[in-house]
Amino acid sequence: MSKAIGQIPRANSGEFQYYGEVVAENTTHSMERAKSFFNQPFLVHWDTVARREQPANLLVSGKGYINVKAKLHGIGTPSLVPVGLHMSVEIVNGRYRYTINHFEVMDKAGNPQYALEEKPDTVKNLVYDQLLQQTHKRVSFVIGWFKKYMKEE
């Protein structure tokens, strides 16, 4: 296996990870929005969602997948490739933090095939690079939508 090179940010561990922290104007409102965000089926297909709630603190996490349009082979038309991920939203001390990580390419039946950080030798470079770029594009869209959703009344 060779290491992936792409636009997706990495944690210190080398794992692909998106992270952000935002000041919440209204903690109660942010808690309600964070809970309902995981009910938005057109962004991420959530398989499991869990939450832990205490006064003024909330942790919501979900495991699911996004569909990324990419070519599975060097030639042909792009098809939808499911990419699994974990997302968590934590609200504490008037701020919310989001983390998206644990990316894995899945087959059509939902079985994990390989971690997105590591390109298998059997996958062509062009195909893999396109998969990285399209995953980055889709996750960036989800994050932008999430931030907008958290601000709405």
Protein backbone atom coordinates (compact mmCIF):
# COMPACT_ATOMS: atom_id res chain seq x y z
CA MET A 1 0.00 0.00 0.00
CA SER A 2 1.14 3.52 -0.71
CA LYS A 3 0.21 6.59 1.30
CA ALA A 4 -2.46 8.90 -0.07
CA ILE A 5 -1.64 12.42 -1.11
CA GLY A 6 -4.57 14.79 -1.46
CA GLN A 7 -6.31 17.91 -0.28
CA ILE A 8 -8.02 16.26 2.67
CA PRO A 9 -6.59 17.54 5.98
CA ARG A 10 -4.93 15.07 8.33
CA ALA A 11 -4.83 14.70 12.08
CA ASN A 12 -1.45 14.26 13.80
CA SER A 13 -2.03 10.50 13.61
CA GLY A 14 -2.06 10.68 9.79
CA GLU A 15 -5.78 9.96 9.59
CA PHE A 16 -7.89 12.16 7.30
CA GLN A 17 -9.89 14.49 9.53
CA TYR A 18 -11.92 17.68 9.25
CA TYR A 19 -12.24 19.70 12.45
CA GLY A 20 -13.69 23.07 13.34
CA GLU A 21 -14.77 25.04 16.36
CA VAL A 22 -17.37 27.84 16.27
CA VAL A 23 -18.74 30.17 18.95
CA ALA A 24 -22.42 29.36 19.52
CA GLU A 25 -24.58 32.45 19.95
CA ASN A 26 -27.31 30.53 21.76
CA THR A 27 -26.32 27.23 23.40
CA THR A 28 -29.87 25.87 23.70
CA HIS A 29 -30.60 26.67 20.04
CA SER A 30 -27.30 25.11 18.96
CA MET A 31 -28.07 21.95 20.91
CA GLU A 32 -31.44 21.55 19.18
CA ARG A 33 -29.93 22.24 15.75
CA ALA A 34 -27.10 19.75 16.33
CA LYS A 35 -29.62 17.03 17.27
CA SER A 36 -31.79 17.67 14.21
CA PHE A 37 -28.83 17.95 11.81
CA PHE A 38 -28.42 14.19 11.91
CA ASN A 39 -31.98 13.88 10.54
CA GLN A 40 -30.99 15.50 7.23
CA PRO A 41 -30.98 12.42 4.95
CA PHE A 42 -29.85 14.09 1.73
CA LEU A 43 -26.43 15.11 3.07
CA VAL A 44 -25.15 11.97 4.75
CA HIS A 45 -26.87 8.59 4.89
CA TRP A 46 -26.69 7.90 8.63
CA ASP A 47 -26.57 4.28 9.76
CA THR A 48 -26.30 5.02 13.49
CA VAL A 49 -26.61 8.16 15.58
CA ALA A 50 -25.97 8.45 19.31
CA ARG A 51 -26.07 11.34 21.73
CA ARG A 52 -25.06 12.16 25.26
CA GLU A 53 -26.71 15.17 26.83
CA GLN A 54 -26.14 17.12 30.04
CA PRO A 55 -27.18 20.68 30.94
CA ALA A 56 -25.43 23.05 28.48
CA ASN A 57 -23.36 20.14 27.07
CA LEU A 58 -24.15 17.83 24.20
CA LEU A 59 -22.30 15.26 22.15
CA VAL A 60 -23.97 13.87 19.02
CA SER A 61 -22.13 11.41 16.83
CA GLY A 62 -23.10 9.51 13.74
CA LYS A 63 -21.70 6.82 11.51
CA GLY A 64 -22.80 6.81 7.90
CA TYR A 65 -21.70 7.34 4.32
CA ILE A 66 -21.73 9.86 1.50
CA ASN A 67 -22.02 9.02 -2.17
CA VAL A 68 -19.09 10.36 -4.17
CA LYS A 69 -19.17 10.47 -7.96
CA ALA A 70 -15.92 8.97 -9.23
CA LYS A 71 -14.66 6.57 -11.85
CA LEU A 72 -14.04 3.09 -10.57
CA HIS A 73 -11.69 2.36 -13.46
CA GLY A 74 -9.44 4.58 -15.54
CA ILE A 75 -11.97 4.68 -18.36
CA GLY A 76 -15.74 4.83 -18.45
CA THR A 77 -18.31 7.06 -16.86
CA PRO A 78 -18.24 8.05 -13.19
CA SER A 79 -20.48 6.16 -10.79
CA LEU A 80 -21.51 6.66 -7.18
CA VAL A 81 -18.98 5.29 -4.70
CA PRO A 82 -20.06 5.11 -1.03
CA VAL A 83 -17.47 6.55 1.36
CA GLY A 84 -18.07 5.77 5.04
CA LEU A 85 -17.35 8.35 7.72
CA HIS A 86 -17.89 9.27 11.35
CA MET A 87 -19.07 12.74 12.38
CA SER A 88 -19.38 14.17 15.86
CA VAL A 89 -20.69 17.50 17.10
CA GLU A 90 -19.89 18.58 20.64
CA ILE A 91 -21.42 21.63 22.30
CA VAL A 92 -19.69 22.82 25.45
CA ASN A 93 -18.99 26.21 27.06
CA GLY A 94 -20.86 28.21 24.40
CA ARG A 95 -19.00 26.64 21.47
CA TYR A 96 -19.61 23.78 19.12
CA ARG A 97 -16.92 21.55 17.66
CA TYR A 98 -17.36 19.25 14.72
CA THR A 99 -15.10 16.41 13.66
CA ILE A 100 -15.41 14.25 10.56
CA ASN A 101 -13.04 11.30 10.21
CA HIS A 102 -12.71 7.49 9.82
CA PHE A 103 -13.16 7.59 6.04
CA GLU A 104 -13.40 4.24 4.28
CA VAL A 105 -14.32 3.29 0.74
CA MET A 106 -17.20 0.82 0.69
CA ASP A 107 -18.67 -1.51 -1.88
CA LYS A 108 -22.26 -1.22 -3.11
CA ALA A 109 -23.43 -3.59 -0.34
CA GLY A 110 -21.95 -1.28 2.33
CA ASN A 111 -18.96 -3.45 3.22
CA PRO A 112 -15.70 -1.59 3.96
CA GLN A 113 -13.05 -2.10 1.27
CA TYR A 114 -10.13 0.09 2.41
CA ALA A 115 -9.31 3.14 4.51
CA LEU A 116 -9.31 6.25 2.32
CA GLU A 117 -5.88 7.22 3.69
CA GLU A 118 -4.24 4.20 2.06
CA LYS A 119 -4.42 3.55 -1.67
CA PRO A 120 -4.43 -0.15 -2.49
CA ASP A 121 -1.98 -1.17 -5.23
CA THR A 122 -4.91 -2.48 -7.30
CA VAL A 123 -6.48 1.01 -7.57
CA LYS A 124 -5.10 3.23 -10.35
CA ASN A 125 -3.63 6.59 -9.33
CA LEU A 126 -6.05 8.54 -11.53
CA VAL A 127 -9.04 6.77 -10.00
CA TYR A 128 -7.73 7.26 -6.46
CA ASP A 129 -6.92 10.95 -6.96
CA GLN A 130 -10.39 11.55 -8.35
CA LEU A 131 -11.92 9.74 -5.37
CA LEU A 132 -9.92 11.94 -2.96
CA GLN A 133 -10.88 15.15 -4.77
CA GLN A 134 -14.58 14.27 -4.97
CA THR A 135 -14.65 13.19 -1.31
CA HIS A 136 -13.04 16.48 -0.29
CA LYS A 137 -15.53 18.42 -2.39
CA ARG A 138 -18.54 16.57 -0.93
CA VAL A 139 -17.36 16.80 2.70
CA SER A 140 -16.61 20.52 2.26
CA PHE A 141 -20.19 20.97 1.03
CA VAL A 142 -21.55 19.06 4.05
CA ILE A 143 -19.50 21.23 6.44
CA GLY A 144 -20.67 24.45 4.76
CA TRP A 145 -24.27 23.30 4.92
CA PHE A 146 -23.84 22.26 8.56
CA LYS A 147 -22.47 25.68 9.58
CA LYS A 148 -25.32 27.44 7.79
CA TYR A 149 -27.85 25.07 9.38
CA MET A 150 -26.46 25.75 12.86
CA LYS A 151 -27.00 29.52 12.39
CA GLU A 152 -30.60 29.31 11.12
CA GLU A 153 -33.55 30.00 13.37
